Protein backbone atom coordinates (compact mmCIF):
# COMPACT_ATOMS: atom_id res chain seq x y z
CA UNK A 1 5.17 40.96 -44.16
CA UNK A 2 4.63 43.67 -41.53
CA UNK A 3 5.14 43.36 -37.78
CA UNK A 4 1.41 42.95 -37.13
CA UNK A 5 1.24 39.86 -39.36
CA UNK A 6 4.36 38.40 -37.73
CA UNK A 7 2.87 38.98 -34.29
CA UNK A 8 -0.43 37.34 -35.36
CA UNK A 9 1.31 34.25 -36.77
CA UNK A 10 3.47 33.90 -33.67
CA UNK A 11 0.41 34.23 -31.44
CA UNK A 12 -1.49 31.57 -33.42
CA UNK A 13 1.48 29.21 -33.23
CA UNK A 14 1.74 29.56 -29.48
CA UNK A 15 -2.02 29.22 -29.03
CA UNK A 16 -2.07 25.90 -30.89
CA UNK A 17 0.76 24.31 -28.91
CA UNK A 18 -0.39 21.35 -26.75
CA UNK A 19 -0.59 22.25 -23.05
CA UNK A 20 2.18 21.05 -20.78
CA UNK A 21 1.29 19.16 -17.63
CA UNK A 22 2.49 20.15 -14.21
CA UNK A 23 4.95 17.27 -14.24
CA UNK A 24 6.44 18.30 -17.58
CA UNK A 25 7.06 21.94 -16.81
CA UNK A 26 8.16 23.79 -13.74
CA UNK A 27 7.81 27.54 -13.41
CA UNK A 28 9.24 29.28 -10.38
CA UNK A 29 6.28 31.65 -10.27
CA UNK A 30 3.79 32.98 -12.76
CA UNK A 31 4.66 36.60 -12.09
CA UNK A 32 8.41 36.02 -12.59
CA UNK A 33 8.12 33.80 -15.66
CA UNK A 34 5.61 35.56 -17.88
CA UNK A 35 5.22 39.18 -18.87
CA UNK A 36 1.64 40.39 -19.18
CA UNK A 37 0.91 43.53 -21.21
CA UNK A 38 -2.38 45.35 -20.49
CA UNK A 39 -4.58 45.51 -23.55
CA UNK A 40 -4.86 49.31 -23.39
CA UNK A 41 -1.13 49.64 -24.15
CA UNK A 42 -1.29 47.56 -27.36
CA UNK A 43 -1.89 49.37 -30.69
CA UNK A 44 -5.49 49.41 -31.82
CA UNK A 45 -4.67 47.53 -35.03
CA UNK A 46 -3.37 44.62 -32.96
CA UNK A 47 -6.39 44.69 -30.65
CA UNK A 48 -8.71 44.57 -33.67
CA UNK A 49 -7.09 41.37 -34.87
CA UNK A 50 -7.61 39.52 -31.58
CA UNK A 51 -11.39 38.89 -31.90
CA UNK A 52 -10.84 37.37 -35.36
CA UNK A 53 -8.94 34.47 -33.80
CA UNK A 54 -11.45 33.97 -31.02
CA UNK A 55 -9.49 35.40 -28.07
CA UNK A 56 -10.98 37.66 -25.40
CA UNK A 57 -8.53 38.72 -22.74
CA UNK A 58 -7.61 41.69 -20.61
CA UNK A 59 -3.93 41.02 -21.22
CA UNK A 60 -1.87 39.20 -23.83
CA UNK A 61 1.21 37.08 -23.18
CA UNK A 62 4.07 38.71 -25.07
CA UNK A 63 7.19 36.77 -24.01
CA UNK A 64 8.59 34.38 -21.46
CA UNK A 65 11.51 35.86 -19.55
CA UNK A 66 12.81 32.48 -18.36
CA UNK A 67 13.01 29.19 -20.21
CA UNK A 68 10.81 26.60 -18.48
CA UNK A 69 12.54 23.61 -16.93
CA UNK A 70 11.40 20.40 -18.62
CA UNK A 71 11.59 17.11 -16.74
CA UNK A 72 12.16 14.20 -19.14
CA UNK A 73 10.43 10.89 -18.58
CA UNK A 74 13.75 9.23 -17.73
CA UNK A 75 14.14 11.59 -14.79
CA UNK A 76 10.58 10.99 -13.62
CA UNK A 77 11.12 7.22 -13.76
CA UNK A 78 13.88 7.58 -11.19
CA UNK A 79 11.28 8.72 -8.67
CA UNK A 80 9.47 5.38 -9.02
CA UNK A 81 12.71 3.43 -8.55
CA UNK A 82 13.70 5.51 -5.56
CA UNK A 83 10.29 4.98 -3.97
CA UNK A 84 10.70 1.21 -4.37
CA UNK A 85 14.21 1.32 -2.87
CA UNK A 86 13.08 3.44 0.08
CA UNK A 87 10.23 0.99 0.71
CA UNK A 88 12.80 -1.71 1.54
CA UNK A 89 12.44 -0.03 4.90
CA UNK A 90 8.71 -0.62 5.58
CA UNK A 91 6.86 2.67 5.06
CA UNK A 92 9.94 4.50 3.73
CA UNK A 93 8.68 4.58 0.15
CA UNK A 94 5.41 6.14 1.23
CA UNK A 95 7.23 8.87 3.13
CA UNK A 96 9.20 9.51 -0.07
CA UNK A 97 5.89 9.76 -1.99
CA UNK A 98 4.49 12.05 0.73
CA UNK A 99 1.74 9.54 1.52
CA UNK A 100 2.45 9.83 5.21
CA UNK A 101 -0.66 8.00 6.43
CA UNK A 102 0.46 4.79 4.72
CA UNK A 103 3.89 4.71 6.35
CA UNK A 104 2.80 3.75 9.91
CA UNK A 105 0.24 1.27 8.53
CA UNK A 106 2.78 -0.73 6.53
CA UNK A 107 5.51 -0.35 9.13
CA UNK A 108 3.20 -1.58 11.90
CA UNK A 109 1.93 -4.52 9.85
CA UNK A 110 5.42 -5.66 8.86
CA UNK A 111 6.91 -5.28 12.33
CA UNK A 112 3.91 -7.00 13.91
CA UNK A 113 4.09 -9.78 11.32
CA UNK A 114 7.79 -10.36 11.97
CA UNK A 115 7.20 -10.51 15.73
CA UNK A 116 4.30 -12.94 15.30
CA UNK A 117 6.33 -15.11 12.91
CA UNK A 118 9.21 -15.35 15.38
CA UNK A 119 6.82 -16.36 18.15
CA UNK A 120 5.08 -18.97 15.97
CA UNK A 121 8.45 -20.36 14.90
CA UNK A 122 9.34 -20.84 18.58
CA UNK A 123 6.06 -22.66 19.19
CA UNK A 124 6.75 -24.97 16.27
CA UNK A 125 10.27 -25.72 17.52
CA UNK A 126 8.90 -26.81 20.91
CA UNK A 127 6.62 -29.49 19.43
CA UNK A 128 9.03 -30.42 16.63
CA UNK A 129 11.91 -31.08 19.02
CA UNK A 130 9.69 -33.02 21.40
CA UNK A 131 8.23 -35.14 18.60
CA UNK A 132 11.62 -35.98 17.10
CA UNK A 133 13.14 -36.60 20.55
CA UNK A 134 10.40 -39.03 21.54
CA UNK A 135 10.70 -40.98 18.28
CA UNK A 136 14.45 -41.22 18.71
CA UNK A 137 14.08 -42.29 22.32
CA UNK A 138 11.80 -45.15 21.28
CA UNK A 139 14.86 -46.59 19.53
CA UNK A 140 17.56 -45.51 21.97
CA UNK A 141 15.58 -46.17 25.15
CA UNK A 142 17.53 -43.56 27.08
CA UNK A 143 16.39 -43.69 30.75
CA UNK A 144 17.52 -40.09 31.32
CA UNK A 145 15.41 -38.67 28.46
CA UNK A 146 13.14 -35.86 29.66
CA UNK A 147 10.70 -33.48 28.04
CA UNK A 148 9.32 -30.15 29.12
CA UNK A 149 6.19 -30.05 31.24
CA UNK A 150 4.39 -28.60 28.26
CA UNK A 151 4.79 -31.74 26.12
CA UNK A 152 5.41 -34.50 28.65
CA UNK A 153 1.71 -35.17 29.24
CA UNK A 154 0.87 -35.51 25.54
CA UNK A 155 0.68 -38.82 23.72
CA UNK A 156 2.65 -39.28 20.54
CA UNK A 157 -0.48 -38.79 18.43
CA UNK A 158 -1.43 -35.62 20.33
CA UNK A 159 2.13 -34.37 20.05
CA UNK A 160 2.07 -34.99 16.32
CA UNK A 161 -1.21 -33.05 15.95
CA UNK A 162 0.13 -30.11 17.96
CA UNK A 163 3.29 -30.10 15.85
CA UNK A 164 1.20 -30.04 12.67
CA UNK A 165 -0.97 -27.15 13.95
CA UNK A 166 2.11 -25.18 14.99
CA UNK A 167 3.68 -25.77 11.58
CA UNK A 168 0.56 -24.51 9.80
CA UNK A 169 0.38 -21.39 11.99
CA UNK A 170 4.04 -20.62 11.38
CA UNK A 171 3.61 -21.03 7.62
CA UNK A 172 0.60 -18.71 7.59
CA UNK A 173 2.42 -16.10 9.68
CA UNK A 174 5.56 -16.17 7.54
CA UNK A 175 3.60 -16.06 4.25
CA UNK A 176 1.36 -13.22 5.42
CA UNK A 177 4.34 -11.14 6.53
CA UNK A 178 6.10 -11.72 3.21
CA UNK A 179 2.97 -10.69 1.29
CA UNK A 180 2.56 -7.50 3.33
CA UNK A 181 6.22 -6.61 2.88
CA UNK A 182 5.95 -7.17 -0.88
CA UNK A 183 2.75 -5.13 -1.03
CA UNK A 184 4.55 -2.30 0.76
CA UNK A 185 7.19 -2.18 -2.01
CA UNK A 186 4.71 -2.58 -4.87
CA UNK A 187 2.34 0.06 -3.49
CA UNK A 188 5.15 2.62 -3.15
CA UNK A 189 6.35 1.98 -6.71
CA UNK A 190 2.85 2.04 -8.19
CA UNK A 191 1.93 5.26 -6.36
CA UNK A 192 5.00 6.96 -7.81
CA UNK A 193 4.17 5.64 -11.29
CA UNK A 194 0.59 6.92 -11.06
CA UNK A 195 1.83 10.37 -10.13
CA UNK A 196 4.28 10.29 -13.03
CA UNK A 197 1.67 9.32 -15.61
CA UNK A 198 -0.84 11.77 -14.10
CA UNK A 199 -3.97 9.86 -15.15
CA UNK A 200 -7.28 10.61 -13.50
CA UNK A 201 -8.34 6.95 -13.72
CA UNK A 202 -5.31 4.71 -13.64
CA UNK A 203 -5.30 1.09 -14.90
CA UNK A 204 -2.21 0.52 -12.77
CA UNK A 205 -4.09 1.59 -9.67
CA UNK A 206 -7.02 -0.70 -10.54
CA UNK A 207 -4.68 -3.66 -11.07
CA UNK A 208 -2.84 -3.03 -7.80
CA UNK A 209 -6.03 -2.78 -5.79
CA UNK A 210 -7.39 -6.02 -7.26
CA UNK A 211 -4.06 -7.71 -6.51
CA UNK A 212 -4.11 -6.57 -2.89
CA UNK A 213 -7.79 -7.36 -2.38
CA UNK A 214 -9.86 -9.14 -5.05
CA UNK A 215 -12.81 -7.00 -6.12
CA UNK A 216 -11.30 -3.73 -4.94
CA UNK A 217 -10.26 -2.83 -8.49
CA UNK A 218 -13.79 -3.52 -9.69
CA UNK A 219 -15.10 -1.17 -7.00
CA UNK A 220 -12.58 1.44 -8.18
CA UNK A 221 -13.98 1.04 -11.71
CA UNK A 222 -17.54 1.18 -10.32
CA UNK A 223 -18.34 -2.30 -11.68
CA UNK A 224 -19.84 -3.40 -8.39
CA UNK A 225 -21.89 -6.23 -9.92
CA UNK A 226 -18.69 -8.14 -10.65
CA UNK A 227 -17.61 -8.31 -7.00
CA UNK A 228 -20.06 -11.04 -5.87
CA UNK A 229 -19.12 -13.10 -8.95
CA UNK A 230 -15.43 -12.92 -8.06
CA UNK A 231 -15.99 -13.81 -4.42
CA UNK A 232 -18.45 -16.53 -5.37
CA UNK A 233 -15.78 -18.19 -7.51
CA UNK A 234 -13.06 -17.71 -4.90
CA UNK A 235 -15.36 -18.97 -2.15
CA UNK A 236 -16.22 -22.13 -4.08
CA UNK A 237 -12.62 -22.97 -4.96
CA UNK A 238 -11.53 -22.06 -1.44
CA UNK A 239 -14.04 -24.52 -0.02
CA UNK A 240 -12.68 -27.22 -2.35
CA UNK A 241 -9.12 -26.48 -1.23
CA UNK A 242 -10.02 -26.85 2.45
CA UNK A 243 -12.05 -30.02 1.87
CA UNK A 244 -9.40 -31.72 -0.26
CA UNK A 245 -6.63 -30.70 2.12
CA UNK A 246 -8.41 -32.15 5.15
CA UNK A 247 -9.19 -35.41 3.41
CA UNK A 248 -5.66 -35.58 2.01
CA UNK A 249 -4.27 -35.34 5.53
CA UNK A 250 -6.80 -37.91 6.74
CA UNK A 251 -5.81 -40.49 4.13
CA UNK A 252 -2.15 -39.72 4.75
CA UNK A 253 -2.54 -40.48 8.46
CA UNK A 254 -4.51 -43.62 7.59
CA UNK A 255 -1.71 -44.85 5.34
CA UNK A 256 1.05 -44.05 7.84
CA UNK A 257 -0.86 -45.66 10.69
CA UNK A 258 -1.19 -48.85 8.65
CA UNK A 259 2.45 -48.94 7.56
CA UNK A 260 4.39 -47.45 10.51
CA UNK A 261 4.50 -48.99 13.91
CA UNK A 262 3.85 -46.57 16.75
CA UNK A 263 2.35 -43.88 14.51
CA UNK A 264 -1.06 -44.26 16.13
CA UNK A 265 -4.40 -45.85 15.47
CA UNK A 266 -5.92 -45.51 11.98
CA UNK A 267 -8.35 -42.54 12.00
CA UNK A 268 -10.78 -44.21 9.55
CA UNK A 269 -12.97 -47.19 10.41
CA UNK A 270 -14.32 -47.76 6.91
CA UNK A 271 -13.31 -51.32 5.90
CA UNK A 272 -12.38 -50.16 2.39
CA UNK A 273 -9.53 -48.01 3.74
CA UNK A 274 -8.08 -50.63 6.07
CA UNK A 275 -5.59 -51.68 3.39
CA UNK A 276 -2.50 -49.61 2.69
CA UNK A 277 -3.02 -49.61 -1.10
CA UNK A 278 -6.55 -48.20 -0.90
CA UNK A 279 -5.49 -45.55 1.61
CA UNK A 280 -2.54 -44.55 -0.62
CA UNK A 281 -4.74 -44.33 -3.73
CA UNK A 282 -7.25 -42.16 -1.88
CA UNK A 283 -4.42 -39.90 -0.68
CA UNK A 284 -3.02 -39.47 -4.21
CA UNK A 285 -6.49 -38.72 -5.59
CA UNK A 286 -7.12 -36.01 -3.00
CA UNK A 287 -3.64 -34.60 -3.56
CA UNK A 288 -4.36 -34.28 -7.28
CA UNK A 289 -7.74 -32.61 -6.67
CA UNK A 290 -6.10 -30.22 -4.22
CA UNK A 291 -3.60 -29.11 -6.86
CA UNK A 292 -6.39 -28.56 -9.40
CA UNK A 293 -8.41 -26.49 -6.89
CA UNK A 294 -5.38 -24.31 -6.14
CA UNK A 295 -4.82 -23.82 -9.88
CA UNK A 296 -8.43 -22.69 -10.44
CA UNK A 297 -8.19 -20.31 -7.47
CA UNK A 298 -5.06 -18.74 -8.93
CA UNK A 299 -6.80 -18.47 -12.30
CA UNK A 300 -9.80 -16.63 -10.83
CA UNK A 301 -7.43 -14.33 -8.94
CA UNK A 302 -5.52 -13.52 -12.16
CA UNK A 303 -8.76 -12.92 -14.09
CA UNK A 304 -9.85 -10.53 -11.34
CA UNK A 305 -6.68 -8.44 -11.89
CA UNK A 306 -6.87 -8.56 -15.70
CA UNK A 307 -10.55 -7.60 -15.71
CA UNK A 308 -9.94 -4.60 -13.44
CA UNK A 309 -7.07 -3.43 -15.66
CA UNK A 310 -9.08 -3.68 -18.88
CA UNK A 311 -12.09 -1.90 -17.36
CA UNK A 312 -9.84 0.91 -16.17
CA UNK A 313 -8.42 1.33 -19.68
CA UNK A 314 -11.97 1.58 -21.06
CA UNK A 315 -13.28 3.73 -18.20
CA UNK A 316 -13.20 7.00 -20.20
CA UNK A 317 -13.98 5.37 -23.54
CA UNK A 318 -17.37 6.24 -25.02
CA UNK A 319 -19.04 2.99 -26.03
CA UNK A 320 -22.49 4.49 -26.62
CA UNK A 321 -24.27 4.36 -29.97
CA UNK A 322 -24.95 8.10 -29.96
CA UNK A 323 -23.20 10.13 -32.65
CA UNK A 324 -23.41 13.91 -32.56
CA UNK A 325 -23.23 16.04 -35.71
CA UNK A 326 -22.84 19.79 -35.67
CA UNK A 327 -22.04 22.63 -38.01
CA UNK A 328 -19.54 25.25 -36.92
CA UNK A 329 -17.72 28.19 -38.60
CA UNK A 330 -14.28 27.52 -40.00
CA UNK A 331 -11.45 29.99 -39.55
CA UNK A 332 -8.14 29.61 -41.38
CA UNK A 333 -5.23 31.82 -42.42
CA UNK A 334 -4.95 33.02 -46.00
CA UNK A 335 -1.79 33.12 -48.12
CA UNK A 336 -0.67 36.21 -46.21
CA UNK A 337 -1.18 34.59 -42.78
CA UNK A 338 -4.26 36.62 -41.88
CA UNK A 339 -6.98 34.74 -40.02
CA UNK A 340 -10.48 35.06 -41.31
CA UNK A 341 -13.82 33.33 -41.92
CA UNK A 342 -13.48 30.62 -44.58
CA UNK A 343 -16.92 29.00 -44.44
CA UNK A 344 -18.54 26.26 -42.35
CA UNK A 345 -17.57 22.68 -41.60
CA UNK A 346 -19.33 19.49 -40.46
CA UNK A 347 -18.07 17.98 -37.21
CA UNK A 348 -18.95 14.40 -36.16
CA UNK A 349 -18.18 13.31 -32.58
CA UNK A 350 -17.64 9.59 -31.99
């Protein structure tokens, strides 16, 4: 085997290697890593062999002067973990991912949520302490008992309602802040994972967007017709949750007013609910329906995420019925390694 045949086989081997992505190979610079030889300096016999393997170039890569640096997947995974750890400081993970515009958004939302939660907790404590103090004083009858001007003019029923409203606001504030903080960590980790996998249309990104905002993953997949279906289902179950919760509280107050002295007047005038047993049964029924409504809401939310993920996986998949058939020339090496025309072949694209 002469040098020309060795060169041809080596060139064919290199030409058929799968391309490396930018995340799998790092070259300091193209000019320092690869040596390009002008075609006019290569022997004519070598130049004549180039068209036979379908290559037209002004220069041919002869050798790599430096071995490329390969980054294994285990090393790339560390970037995702580091992004998640940095995001323990709100916005830190996004700075690590070089998504600088996200950092002030998450940091502002988390800091604002914490401040609002602290304020709402203070509001709840005011009404909670006043409510408990007044109930205790009804037993102790302390003549020196005093309340703040803010709660002194409220009746026990009004004080109880204000305490309940403050408790609900505090719960919403705390839950919202926790969700935003968790989303900050998840978003930083997912963004790093998407960069590592280097997919043009990422199922992970679709799932994350649907988790943060139902329907956003469907918009990412361009399945816009699914968005009103998702929000229709969530709107219906959300209405049921609100309705069952209000009636549950109403029957609860009715039962407590009938069984506890000083709790207040019964809110319902319907004769059927003037007995404690009927009021308790109605409360338990609404409580059960409330749990079922919450379960269906969670189910629709989960289906929204799963649907976005599956659509993203199938985004680049050809599901058409069209099959293309073509005939093309077939080139293959002979027993001596020389490339040449070996006939034609049928190619079917699915």
